[in-house]
């Protein structure tokens, strides 16, 4: 499984598919594996309280899912899955709350870490 960080208000797929603005600007939808979603969240979304994690089955996406370096590359060499197309609604198998800590940082939700 892979996950995508999404503002709650953006999770309303039109026509049965979900797209993120990055599909137009970067050519892909940024994702993470469940254990590393906190890395981009802390770098880009620190302090936000309106986020969810879309849990995605890559086998159901129907578009290329490519594991690549982040921008900038992570110092430990962690790579992230990029989805090169829209994500069908049925590929999203769960939506998880993404809690923010008091210091504005994120942790992986228990509902995802138990999987």
PDB file of N, CA and C in Angstrom:
ATOM      1  N   UNK A   1       0.831  -1.186   0.000  1.00  0.00           N
ATOM      2  CA  UNK A   1       0.000   0.000   0.000  1.00  0.00           C
ATOM      3  C   UNK A   1       0.876   1.251   0.000  1.00  0.00           C
ATOM      4  N   UNK A   2       0.341   2.305  -0.588  1.00  0.00           N
ATOM      5  CA  UNK A   2       0.985   3.612  -0.547  1.00  0.00           C
ATOM      6  C   UNK A   2      -0.041   4.601  -0.010  1.00  0.00           C
ATOM      7  N   UNK A   3       0.421   5.782   0.398  1.00  0.00           N
ATOM      8  CA  UNK A   3      -0.486   6.789   0.929  1.00  0.00           C
ATOM      9  C   UNK A   3      -0.217   8.138   0.271  1.00  0.00           C
ATOM     10  N   UNK A   4      -1.259   8.942   0.242  1.00  0.00           N
ATOM     11  CA  UNK A   4      -1.175  10.297  -0.297  1.00  0.00           C
ATOM     12  C   UNK A   4      -1.730  11.251   0.745  1.00  0.00           C
ATOM     13  N   UNK A   5      -0.986  12.314   1.039  1.00  0.00           N
ATOM     14  CA  UNK A   5      -1.426  13.342   1.976  1.00  0.00           C
ATOM     15  C   UNK A   5      -2.376  14.269   1.235  1.00  0.00           C
ATOM     16  N   UNK A   6      -3.540  14.491   1.829  1.00  0.00           N
ATOM     17  CA  UNK A   6      -4.590  15.233   1.132  1.00  0.00           C
ATOM     18  C   UNK A   6      -5.373  16.107   2.119  1.00  0.00           C
ATOM     19  N   UNK A   7      -5.613  17.376   1.794  1.00  0.00           N
ATOM     20  CA  UNK A   7      -6.545  18.153   2.618  1.00  0.00           C
ATOM     21  C   UNK A   7      -7.925  17.501   2.568  1.00  0.00           C
ATOM     22  N   UNK A   8      -8.589  17.438   3.711  1.00  0.00           N
ATOM     23  CA  UNK A   8      -9.907  16.789   3.774  1.00  0.00           C
ATOM     24  C   UNK A   8     -10.848  17.306   2.694  1.00  0.00           C
ATOM     25  N   UNK A   9     -10.841  18.592   2.468  1.00  0.00           N
ATOM     26  CA  UNK A   9     -11.745  19.198   1.496  1.00  0.00           C
ATOM     27  C   UNK A   9     -11.463  18.817   0.059  1.00  0.00           C
ATOM     28  N   UNK A  10     -10.272  18.323  -0.214  1.00  0.00           N
ATOM     29  CA  UNK A  10      -9.921  17.922  -1.587  1.00  0.00           C
ATOM     30  C   UNK A  10     -10.323  16.490  -1.900  1.00  0.00           C
ATOM     31  N   UNK A  11     -10.685  15.711  -0.865  1.00  0.00           N
ATOM     32  CA  UNK A  11     -11.026  14.316  -1.095  1.00  0.00           C
ATOM     33  C   UNK A  11     -12.492  14.213  -1.487  1.00  0.00           C
ATOM     34  N   UNK A  12     -12.744  14.574  -2.711  1.00  0.00           N
ATOM     35  CA  UNK A  12     -14.082  14.466  -3.289  1.00  0.00           C
ATOM     36  C   UNK A  12     -13.882  14.168  -4.769  1.00  0.00           C
ATOM     37  N   UNK A  13     -13.562  12.916  -5.087  1.00  0.00           N
ATOM     38  CA  UNK A  13     -13.237  12.607  -6.475  1.00  0.00           C
ATOM     39  C   UNK A  13     -14.394  12.867  -7.425  1.00  0.00           C
ATOM     40  N   UNK A  14     -14.077  13.548  -8.518  1.00  0.00           N
ATOM     41  CA  UNK A  14     -15.076  13.822  -9.551  1.00  0.00           C
ATOM     42  C   UNK A  14     -14.963  12.753 -10.633  1.00  0.00           C
ATOM     43  N   UNK A  15     -16.081  12.245 -11.055  1.00  0.00           N
ATOM     44  CA  UNK A  15     -16.070  11.252 -12.127  1.00  0.00           C
ATOM     45  C   UNK A  15     -15.387   9.959 -11.736  1.00  0.00           C
ATOM     46  N   UNK A  16     -15.311   9.701 -10.435  1.00  0.00           N
ATOM     47  CA  UNK A  16     -14.730   8.446  -9.996  1.00  0.00           C
ATOM     48  C   UNK A  16     -13.220   8.420  -9.915  1.00  0.00           C
ATOM     49  N   UNK A  17     -12.551   9.582 -10.106  1.00  0.00           N
ATOM     50  CA  UNK A  17     -11.096   9.630  -9.995  1.00  0.00           C
ATOM     51  C   UNK A  17     -10.668  10.803  -9.123  1.00  0.00           C
ATOM     52  N   UNK A  18      -9.496  10.642  -8.493  1.00  0.00           N
ATOM     53  CA  UNK A  18      -8.905  11.704  -7.685  1.00  0.00           C
ATOM     54  C   UNK A  18      -7.678  12.227  -8.413  1.00  0.00           C
ATOM     55  N   UNK A  19      -7.555  13.528  -8.483  1.00  0.00           N
ATOM     56  CA  UNK A  19      -6.339  14.142  -9.009  1.00  0.00           C
ATOM     57  C   UNK A  19      -5.870  15.189  -8.009  1.00  0.00           C
ATOM     58  N   UNK A  20      -4.590  15.395  -7.966  1.00  0.00           N
ATOM     59  CA  UNK A  20      -3.997  16.438  -7.135  1.00  0.00           C
ATOM     60  C   UNK A  20      -3.413  17.496  -8.065  1.00  0.00           C
ATOM     61  N   UNK A  21      -3.235  18.697  -7.570  1.00  0.00           N
ATOM     62  CA  UNK A  21      -2.663  19.772  -8.385  1.00  0.00           C
ATOM     63  C   UNK A  21      -1.290  19.383  -8.932  1.00  0.00           C
ATOM     64  N   UNK A  22      -0.552  18.564  -8.185  1.00  0.00           N
ATOM     65  CA  UNK A  22       0.790  18.176  -8.631  1.00  0.00           C
ATOM     66  C   UNK A  22       0.763  17.349  -9.919  1.00  0.00           C
ATOM     67  N   UNK A  23      -0.366  16.746 -10.238  1.00  0.00           N
ATOM     68  CA  UNK A  23      -0.453  16.002 -11.493  1.00  0.00           C
ATOM     69  C   UNK A  23      -0.263  16.956 -12.673  1.00  0.00           C
ATOM     70  N   UNK A  24      -0.800  18.175 -12.550  1.00  0.00           N
ATOM     71  CA  UNK A  24      -0.617  19.185 -13.596  1.00  0.00           C
ATOM     72  C   UNK A  24       0.745  19.859 -13.513  1.00  0.00           C
ATOM     73  N   UNK A  25       1.205  20.181 -12.302  1.00  0.00           N
ATOM     74  CA  UNK A  25       2.451  20.942 -12.157  1.00  0.00           C
ATOM     75  C   UNK A  25       3.705  20.085 -12.246  1.00  0.00           C
ATOM     76  N   UNK A  26       3.664  18.866 -11.673  1.00  0.00           N
ATOM     77  CA  UNK A  26       4.849  18.006 -11.635  1.00  0.00           C
ATOM     78  C   UNK A  26       4.732  16.794 -12.557  1.00  0.00           C
ATOM     79  N   UNK A  27       3.518  16.503 -13.027  1.00  0.00           N
ATOM     80  CA  UNK A  27       3.311  15.351 -13.891  1.00  0.00           C
ATOM     81  C   UNK A  27       2.989  14.072 -13.145  1.00  0.00           C
ATOM     82  N   UNK A  28       2.876  14.147 -11.816  1.00  0.00           N
ATOM     83  CA  UNK A  28       2.560  12.977 -11.011  1.00  0.00           C
ATOM     84  C   UNK A  28       1.942  13.402  -9.695  1.00  0.00           C
ATOM     85  N   UNK A  29       1.357  12.436  -8.986  1.00  0.00           N
ATOM     86  CA  UNK A  29       0.799  12.654  -7.654  1.00  0.00           C
ATOM     87  C   UNK A  29       1.797  12.119  -6.640  1.00  0.00           C
ATOM     88  N   UNK A  30       2.214  12.976  -5.719  1.00  0.00           N
ATOM     89  CA  UNK A  30       3.181  12.603  -4.685  1.00  0.00           C
ATOM     90  C   UNK A  30       2.549  11.633  -3.694  1.00  0.00           C
ATOM     91  N   UNK A  31       3.239  10.553  -3.386  1.00  0.00           N
ATOM     92  CA  UNK A  31       2.785   9.589  -2.387  1.00  0.00           C
ATOM     93  C   UNK A  31       3.961   9.180  -1.512  1.00  0.00           C
ATOM     94  N   UNK A  32       3.673   8.366  -0.529  1.00  0.00           N
ATOM     95  CA  UNK A  32       4.681   7.817   0.384  1.00  0.00           C
ATOM     96  C   UNK A  32       4.291   6.395   0.699  1.00  0.00           C
ATOM     97  N   UNK A  33       5.205   5.671   1.338  1.00  0.00           N
ATOM     98  CA  UNK A  33       4.770   4.414   1.920  1.00  0.00           C
ATOM     99  C   UNK A  33       4.233   4.756   3.307  1.00  0.00           C
ATOM    100  N   UNK A  34       3.427   3.905   3.910  1.00  0.00           N
ATOM    101  CA  UNK A  34       2.808   4.258   5.191  1.00  0.00           C
ATOM    102  C   UNK A  34       3.803   4.632   6.287  1.00  0.00           C
ATOM    103  N   UNK A  35       4.991   4.077   6.271  1.00  0.00           N
ATOM    104  CA  UNK A  35       5.958   4.355   7.318  1.00  0.00           C
ATOM    105  C   UNK A  35       6.750   5.629   7.155  1.00  0.00           C
ATOM    106  N   UNK A  36       6.668   6.255   5.975  1.00  0.00           N
ATOM    107  CA  UNK A  36       7.456   7.469   5.751  1.00  0.00           C
ATOM    108  C   UNK A  36       6.610   8.701   5.426  1.00  0.00           C
ATOM    109  N   UNK A  37       5.304   8.608   5.558  1.00  0.00           N
ATOM    110  CA  UNK A  37       4.439   9.747   5.225  1.00  0.00           C
ATOM    111  C   UNK A  37       4.730  10.971   6.090  1.00  0.00           C
ATOM    112  N   UNK A  38       5.264  10.733   7.286  1.00  0.00           N
ATOM    113  CA  UNK A  38       5.572  11.862   8.166  1.00  0.00           C
ATOM    114  C   UNK A  38       6.714  12.725   7.619  1.00  0.00           C
ATOM    115  N   UNK A  39       7.585  12.163   6.778  1.00  0.00           N
ATOM    116  CA  UNK A  39       8.730  12.927   6.261  1.00  0.00           C
ATOM    117  C   UNK A  39       8.261  14.095   5.392  1.00  0.00           C
ATOM    118  N   UNK A  40       7.495  13.861   4.316  1.00  0.00           N
ATOM    119  CA  UNK A  40       7.027  15.019   3.546  1.00  0.00           C
ATOM    120  C   UNK A  40       6.011  15.856   4.324  1.00  0.00           C
ATOM    121  N   UNK A  41       5.231  15.223   5.184  1.00  0.00           N
ATOM    122  CA  UNK A  41       4.248  15.993   5.965  1.00  0.00           C
ATOM    123  C   UNK A  41       4.949  17.020   6.835  1.00  0.00           C
ATOM    124  N   UNK A  42       6.004  16.614   7.529  1.00  0.00           N
ATOM    125  CA  UNK A  42       6.723  17.536   8.397  1.00  0.00           C
ATOM    126  C   UNK A  42       7.478  18.601   7.599  1.00  0.00           C
ATOM    127  N   UNK A  43       7.928  18.250   6.398  1.00  0.00           N
ATOM    128  CA  UNK A  43       8.668  19.200   5.570  1.00  0.00           C
ATOM    129  C   UNK A  43       7.761  20.225   4.891  1.00  0.00           C
ATOM    130  N   UNK A  44       6.547  19.808   4.529  1.00  0.00           N
ATOM    131  CA  UNK A  44       5.682  20.662   3.700  1.00  0.00           C
ATOM    132  C   UNK A  44       4.437  21.159   4.429  1.00  0.00           C
ATOM    133  N   UNK A  45       3.883  20.343   5.342  1.00  0.00           N
ATOM    134  CA  UNK A  45       2.570  20.645   5.922  1.00  0.00           C
ATOM    135  C   UNK A  45       2.589  20.883   7.435  1.00  0.00           C
ATOM    136  N   UNK A  46       3.735  21.137   8.028  1.00  0.00           N
ATOM    137  CA  UNK A  46       3.836  21.272   9.490  1.00  0.00           C
ATOM    138  C   UNK A  46       2.748  22.196  10.041  1.00  0.00           C
ATOM    139  N   UNK A  47       2.079  21.700  11.077  1.00  0.00           N
ATOM    140  CA  UNK A  47       1.065  22.489  11.765  1.00  0.00           C
ATOM    141  C   UNK A  47      -0.332  22.428  11.190  1.00  0.00           C
ATOM    142  N   UNK A  48      -0.503  21.874  10.009  1.00  0.00           N
ATOM    143  CA  UNK A  48      -1.848  21.824   9.417  1.00  0.00           C
ATOM    144  C   UNK A  48      -2.702  20.782  10.119  1.00  0.00           C
ATOM    145  N   UNK A  49      -3.934  21.125  10.333  1.00  0.00           N
ATOM    146  CA  UNK A  49      -4.855  20.233  11.050  1.00  0.00           C
ATOM    147  C   UNK A  49      -5.961  19.689  10.161  1.00  0.00           C
ATOM    148  N   UNK A  50      -5.888  19.935   8.874  1.00  0.00           N
ATOM    149  CA  UNK A  50      -6.967  19.561   7.952  1.00  0.00           C
ATOM    150  C   UNK A  50      -6.589  18.434   6.999  1.00  0.00           C
ATOM    151  N   UNK A  51      -5.626  17.596   7.387  1.00  0.00           N
ATOM    152  CA  UNK A  51      -5.113  16.598   6.451  1.00  0.00           C
ATOM    153  C   UNK A  51      -5.614  15.190   6.755  1.00  0.00           C
ATOM    154  N   UNK A  52      -5.738  14.405   5.695  1.00  0.00           N
ATOM    155  CA  UNK A  52      -6.012  12.976   5.799  1.00  0.00           C
ATOM    156  C   UNK A  52      -4.980  12.241   4.950  1.00  0.00           C
ATOM    157  N   UNK A  53      -4.875  10.950   5.186  1.00  0.00           N
ATOM    158  CA  UNK A  53      -4.031  10.094   4.368  1.00  0.00           C
ATOM    159  C   UNK A  53      -4.934   9.165   3.567  1.00  0.00           C
ATOM    160  N   UNK A  54      -4.799   9.215   2.268  1.00  0.00           N
ATOM    161  CA  UNK A  54      -5.524   8.283   1.409  1.00  0.00           C
ATOM    162  C   UNK A  54      -4.666   7.034   1.285  1.00  0.00           C
ATOM    163  N   UNK A  55      -5.200   5.901   1.709  1.00  0.00           N
ATOM    164  CA  UNK A  55      -4.487   4.628   1.572  1.00  0.00           C
ATOM    165  C   UNK A  55      -4.852   4.037   0.218  1.00  0.00           C
ATOM    166  N   UNK A  56      -3.850   3.811  -0.597  1.00  0.00           N
ATOM    167  CA  UNK A  56      -4.049   3.459  -2.005  1.00  0.00           C
ATOM    168  C   UNK A  56      -3.433   2.093  -2.301  1.00  0.00           C
ATOM    169  N   UNK A  57      -4.187   1.258  -2.990  1.00  0.00           N
ATOM    170  CA  UNK A  57      -3.662  -0.012  -3.472  1.00  0.00           C
ATOM    171  C   UNK A  57      -3.078   0.232  -4.861  1.00  0.00           C
ATOM    172  N   UNK A  58      -1.746   0.203  -5.002  1.00  0.00           N
ATOM    173  CA  UNK A  58      -1.145   0.523  -6.300  1.00  0.00           C
ATOM    174  C   UNK A  58      -1.561  -0.425  -7.422  1.00  0.00           C
ATOM    175  N   UNK A  59      -1.976  -1.633  -7.070  1.00  0.00           N
ATOM    176  CA  UNK A  59      -2.412  -2.592  -8.094  1.00  0.00           C
ATOM    177  C   UNK A  59      -3.714  -2.159  -8.751  1.00  0.00           C
ATOM    178  N   UNK A  60      -4.459  -1.273  -8.098  1.00  0.00           N
ATOM    179  CA  UNK A  60      -5.739  -0.815  -8.638  1.00  0.00           C
ATOM    180  C   UNK A  60      -5.664   0.560  -9.300  1.00  0.00           C
ATOM    181  N   UNK A  61      -4.491   1.167  -9.305  1.00  0.00           N
ATOM    182  CA  UNK A  61      -4.353   2.536  -9.824  1.00  0.00           C
ATOM    183  C   UNK A  61      -4.514   2.596 -11.340  1.00  0.00           C
ATOM    184  N   UNK A  62      -3.895   1.684 -12.056  1.00  0.00           N
ATOM    185  CA  UNK A  62      -4.013   1.691 -13.516  1.00  0.00           C
ATOM    186  C   UNK A  62      -3.116   2.701 -14.200  1.00  0.00           C
ATOM    187  N   UNK A  63      -2.268   3.375 -13.461  1.00  0.00           N
ATOM    188  CA  UNK A  63      -1.278   4.307 -14.008  1.00  0.00           C
ATOM    189  C   UNK A  63       0.081   3.890 -13.442  1.00  0.00           C
ATOM    190  N   UNK A  64       1.160   4.283 -14.096  1.00  0.00           N
ATOM    191  CA  UNK A  64       2.475   3.919 -13.566  1.00  0.00           C
ATOM    192  C   UNK A  64       2.695   4.479 -12.155  1.00  0.00           C
ATOM    193  N   UNK A  65       3.221   3.633 -11.278  1.00  0.00           N
ATOM    194  CA  UNK A  65       3.647   4.037  -9.936  1.00  0.00           C
ATOM    195  C   UNK A  65       5.149   3.805  -9.896  1.00  0.00           C
ATOM    196  N   UNK A  66       5.913   4.890  -9.796  1.00  0.00           N
ATOM    197  CA  UNK A  66       7.369   4.820  -9.892  1.00  0.00           C
ATOM    198  C   UNK A  66       7.985   5.320  -8.584  1.00  0.00           C
ATOM    199  N   UNK A  67       8.874   4.538  -8.002  1.00  0.00           N
ATOM    200  CA  UNK A  67       9.582   4.923  -6.778  1.00  0.00           C
ATOM    201  C   UNK A  67      10.798   5.741  -7.190  1.00  0.00           C
ATOM    202  N   UNK A  68      10.837   6.990  -6.682  1.00  0.00           N
ATOM    203  CA  UNK A  68      11.888   7.918  -7.092  1.00  0.00           C
ATOM    204  C   UNK A  68      12.359   8.738  -5.894  1.00  0.00           C
ATOM    205  N   UNK A  69      13.505   9.396  -6.089  1.00  0.00           N
ATOM    206  CA  UNK A  69      14.002  10.314  -5.065  1.00  0.00           C
ATOM    207  C   UNK A  69      13.038  11.474  -4.911  1.00  0.00           C
ATOM    208  N   UNK A  70      13.011  12.033  -3.710  1.00  0.00           N
ATOM    209  CA  UNK A  70      12.247  13.247  -3.476  1.00  0.00           C
ATOM    210  C   UNK A  70      13.000  14.445  -4.032  1.00  0.00           C
ATOM    211  N   UNK A  71      12.425  15.613  -3.883  1.00  0.00           N
ATOM    212  CA  UNK A  71      13.063  16.838  -4.344  1.00  0.00           C
ATOM    213  C   UNK A  71      13.050  17.831  -3.197  1.00  0.00           C
ATOM    214  N   UNK A  72      14.127  17.974  -2.471  1.00  0.00           N
ATOM    215  CA  UNK A  72      15.445  17.387  -2.716  1.00  0.00           C
ATOM    216  C   UNK A  72      15.488  15.933  -2.262  1.00  0.00           C
ATOM    217  N   UNK A  73      16.489  15.187  -2.725  1.00  0.00           N
ATOM    218  CA  UNK A  73      16.609  13.782  -2.290  1.00  0.00           C
ATOM    219  C   UNK A  73      16.760  13.692  -0.770  1.00  0.00           C
ATOM    220  N   UNK A  74      16.168  12.666  -0.187  1.00  0.00           N
ATOM    221  CA  UNK A  74      16.267  12.459   1.261  1.00  0.00           C
ATOM    222  C   UNK A  74      17.706  12.050   1.594  1.00  0.00           C
ATOM    223  N   UNK A  75      18.269  12.590   2.680  1.00  0.00           N
ATOM    224  CA  UNK A  75      19.672  12.271   3.000  1.00  0.00           C
ATOM    225  C   UNK A  75      19.934  10.782   3.249  1.00  0.00           C
ATOM    226  N   UNK A  76      18.909  10.040   3.668  1.00  0.00           N
ATOM    227  CA  UNK A  76      19.082   8.603   3.911  1.00  0.00           C
ATOM    228  C   UNK A  76      18.739   7.768   2.677  1.00  0.00           C
ATOM    229  N   UNK A  77      18.462   8.427   1.558  1.00  0.00           N
ATOM    230  CA  UNK A  77      18.160   7.704   0.332  1.00  0.00           C
ATOM    231  C   UNK A  77      16.743   7.177   0.235  1.00  0.00           C
ATOM    232  N   UNK A  78      15.837   7.662   1.098  1.00  0.00           N
ATOM    233  CA  UNK A  78      14.445   7.220   1.057  1.00  0.00           C
ATOM    234  C   UNK A  78      13.832   7.649  -0.269  1.00  0.00           C
ATOM    235  N   UNK A  79      13.171   6.720  -0.946  1.00  0.00           N
ATOM    236  CA  UNK A  79      12.463   7.045  -2.179  1.00  0.00           C
ATOM    237  C   UNK A  79      10.965   7.050  -1.924  1.00  0.00           C
ATOM    238  N   UNK A  80      10.241   7.730  -2.801  1.00  0.00           N
ATOM    239  CA  UNK A  80       8.807   7.906  -2.648  1.00  0.00           C
ATOM    240  C   UNK A  80       8.093   7.474  -3.927  1.00  0.00           C
ATOM    241  N   UNK A  81       6.891   6.875  -3.782  1.00  0.00           N
ATOM    242  CA  UNK A  81       6.130   6.493  -4.975  1.00  0.00           C
ATOM    243  C   UNK A  81       5.443   7.703  -5.590  1.00  0.00           C
ATOM    244  N   UNK A  82       5.574   7.820  -6.887  1.00  0.00           N
ATOM    245  CA  UNK A  82       4.898   8.870  -7.647  1.00  0.00           C
ATOM    246  C   UNK A  82       3.919   8.189  -8.594  1.00  0.00           C
ATOM    247  N   UNK A  83       2.675   8.653  -8.590  1.00  0.00           N
ATOM    248  CA  UNK A  83       1.631   8.084  -9.439  1.00  0.00           C
ATOM    249  C   UNK A  83       1.480   8.982 -10.664  1.00  0.00           C
ATOM    250  N   UNK A  84       1.769   8.426 -11.826  1.00  0.00           N
ATOM    251  CA  UNK A  84       1.758   9.187 -13.075  1.00  0.00           C
ATOM    252  C   UNK A  84       0.404   9.123 -13.777  1.00  0.00           C
ATOM    253  N   UNK A  85      -0.625   9.540 -13.071  1.00  0.00           N
ATOM    254  CA  UNK A  85      -1.970   9.599 -13.624  1.00  0.00           C
ATOM    255  C   UNK A  85      -2.969   9.769 -12.497  1.00  0.00           C
ATOM    256  N   UNK A  86      -4.234   9.956 -12.836  1.00  0.00           N
ATOM    257  CA  UNK A  86      -5.271  10.080 -11.799  1.00  0.00           C
ATOM    258  C   UNK A  86      -5.438   8.757 -11.055  1.00  0.00           C
ATOM    259  N   UNK A  87      -5.959   8.855  -9.846  1.00  0.00           N
ATOM    260  CA  UNK A  87      -6.165   7.682  -8.995  1.00  0.00           C
ATOM    261  C   UNK A  87      -7.650   7.354  -8.967  1.00  0.00           C
ATOM    262  N   UNK A  88      -8.045   6.184  -9.466  1.00  0.00           N
ATOM    263  CA  UNK A  88      -9.458   5.813  -9.429  1.00  0.00           C
ATOM    264  C   UNK A  88      -9.956   5.709  -7.982  1.00  0.00           C
ATOM    265  N   UNK A  89     -11.195   6.098  -7.770  1.00  0.00           N
ATOM    266  CA  UNK A  89     -11.790   6.067  -6.429  1.00  0.00           C
ATOM    267  C   UNK A  89     -11.681   4.684  -5.799  1.00  0.00           C
ATOM    268  N   UNK A  90     -11.839   3.626  -6.583  1.00  0.00           N
ATOM    269  CA  UNK A  90     -11.794   2.277  -6.014  1.00  0.00           C
ATOM    270  C   UNK A  90     -10.387   1.856  -5.598  1.00  0.00           C
ATOM    271  N   UNK A  91      -9.344   2.589  -6.018  1.00  0.00           N
ATOM    272  CA  UNK A  91      -7.980   2.290  -5.585  1.00  0.00           C
ATOM    273  C   UNK A  91      -7.707   2.822  -4.184  1.00  0.00           C
ATOM    274  N   UNK A  92      -8.551   3.750  -3.710  1.00  0.00           N
ATOM    275  CA  UNK A  92      -8.417   4.290  -2.353  1.00  0.00           C
ATOM    276  C   UNK A  92      -9.191   3.359  -1.427  1.00  0.00           C
ATOM    277  N   UNK A  93      -8.448   2.539  -0.679  1.00  0.00           N
ATOM    278  CA  UNK A  93      -9.078   1.503   0.131  1.00  0.00           C
ATOM    279  C   UNK A  93      -9.437   1.983   1.533  1.00  0.00           C
ATOM    280  N   UNK A  94      -8.874   3.114   1.967  1.00  0.00           N
ATOM    281  CA  UNK A  94      -9.199   3.676   3.279  1.00  0.00           C
ATOM    282  C   UNK A  94      -8.749   5.131   3.330  1.00  0.00           C
ATOM    283  N   UNK A  95      -9.401   5.894   4.188  1.00  0.00           N
ATOM    284  CA  UNK A  95      -9.020   7.280   4.443  1.00  0.00           C
ATOM    285  C   UNK A  95      -8.757   7.385   5.942  1.00  0.00           C
ATOM    286  N   UNK A  96      -7.559   7.851   6.298  1.00  0.00           N
ATOM    287  CA  UNK A  96      -7.139   7.919   7.694  1.00  0.00           C
ATOM    288  C   UNK A  96      -6.964   9.374   8.123  1.00  0.00           C
ATOM    289  N   UNK A  97      -7.410   9.693   9.321  1.00  0.00           N
ATOM    290  CA  UNK A  97      -7.095  10.993   9.899  1.00  0.00           C
ATOM    291  C   UNK A  97      -5.578  11.077  10.028  1.00  0.00           C
ATOM    292  N   UNK A  98      -5.016  12.278   9.882  1.00  0.00           N
ATOM    293  CA  UNK A  98      -3.571  12.465   9.988  1.00  0.00           C
ATOM    294  C   UNK A  98      -3.320  13.473  11.103  1.00  0.00           C
ATOM    295  N   UNK A  99      -3.195  12.975  12.335  1.00  0.00           N
ATOM    296  CA  UNK A  99      -3.112  13.870  13.487  1.00  0.00           C
ATOM    297  C   UNK A  99      -1.800  14.647  13.544  1.00  0.00           C
ATOM    298  N   UNK A 100      -1.921  15.891  13.957  1.00  0.00           N
ATOM    299  CA  UNK A 100      -0.748  16.738  14.153  1.00  0.00           C
ATOM    300  C   UNK A 100      -0.480  16.827  15.658  1.00  0.00           C
ATOM    301  N   UNK A 101       0.768  16.787  16.027  1.00  0.00           N
ATOM    302  CA  UNK A 101       1.158  16.900  17.435  1.00  0.00           C
ATOM    303  C   UNK A 101       1.125  18.368  17.858  1.00  0.00           C
ATOM    304  N   UNK A 102       1.254  18.589  19.137  1.00  0.00           N
ATOM    305  CA  UNK A 102       1.258  19.947  19.668  1.00  0.00           C
ATOM    306  C   UNK A 102       2.360  20.825  19.110  1.00  0.00           C
ATOM    307  N   UNK A 103       3.482  20.211  18.715  1.00  0.00           N
ATOM    308  CA  UNK A 103       4.597  20.997  18.152  1.00  0.00           C
ATOM    309  C   UNK A 103       4.468  21.203  16.648  1.00  0.00           C
ATOM    310  N   UNK A 104       3.350  20.756  16.060  1.00  0.00           N
ATOM    311  CA  UNK A 104       3.112  20.938  14.632  1.00  0.00           C
ATOM    312  C   UNK A 104       3.617  19.805  13.760  1.00  0.00           C
ATOM    313  N   UNK A 105       4.266  18.803  14.355  1.00  0.00           N
ATOM    314  CA  UNK A 105       4.778  17.685  13.569  1.00  0.00           C
ATOM    315  C   UNK A 105       3.730  16.578  13.469  1.00  0.00           C
ATOM    316  N   UNK A 106       3.985  15.648  12.571  1.00  0.00           N
ATOM    317  CA  UNK A 106       3.050  14.560  12.310  1.00  0.00           C
ATOM    318  C   UNK A 106       3.619  13.228  12.763  1.00  0.00           C
ATOM    319  N   UNK A 107       2.719  12.318  13.055  1.00  0.00           N
ATOM    320  CA  UNK A 107       3.069  10.933  13.338  1.00  0.00           C
ATOM    321  C   UNK A 107       2.143  10.064  12.506  1.00  0.00           C
ATOM    322  N   UNK A 108       2.588   8.859  12.245  1.00  0.00           N
ATOM    323  CA  UNK A 108       1.757   7.931  11.490  1.00  0.00           C
ATOM    324  C   UNK A 108       0.573   7.533  12.365  1.00  0.00           C
ATOM    325  N   UNK A 109      -0.648   7.644  11.857  1.00  0.00           N
ATOM    326  CA  UNK A 109      -1.810   7.275  12.679  1.00  0.00           C
ATOM    327  C   UNK A 109      -1.812   5.789  13.031  1.00  0.00           C
ATOM    328  N   UNK A 110      -2.305   5.483  14.213  1.00  0.00           N
ATOM    329  CA  UNK A 110      -2.366   4.086  14.662  1.00  0.00           C
ATOM    330  C   UNK A 110      -3.135   3.214  13.683  1.00  0.00           C
ATOM    331  N   UNK A 111      -4.194   3.766  13.085  1.00  0.00           N
ATOM    332  CA  UNK A 111      -5.008   2.983  12.150  1.00  0.00           C
ATOM    333  C   UNK A 111      -4.192   2.498  10.962  1.00  0.00           C
ATOM    334  N   UNK A 112      -3.118   3.193  10.641  1.00  0.00           N
ATOM    335  CA  UNK A 112      -2.265   2.802   9.530  1.00  0.00           C
ATOM    336  C   UNK A 112      -1.066   1.984  10.006  1.00  0.00           C
ATOM    337  N   UNK A 113      -0.537   2.303  11.161  1.00  0.00           N
ATOM    338  CA  UNK A 113       0.653   1.601  11.643  1.00  0.00           C
ATOM    339  C   UNK A 113       0.337   0.175  12.058  1.00  0.00           C
ATOM    340  N   UNK A 114      -0.925  -0.141  12.318  1.00  0.00           N
ATOM    341  CA  UNK A 114      -1.305  -1.503  12.706  1.00  0.00           C
ATOM    342  C   UNK A 114      -1.430  -2.422  11.509  1.00  0.00           C
ATOM    343  N   UNK A 115      -1.375  -1.906  10.324  1.00  0.00           N
ATOM    344  CA  UNK A 115      -1.559  -2.728   9.120  1.00  0.00           C
ATOM    345  C   UNK A 115      -0.284  -3.451   8.749  1.00  0.00           C
TER     346      UNK A 115
END
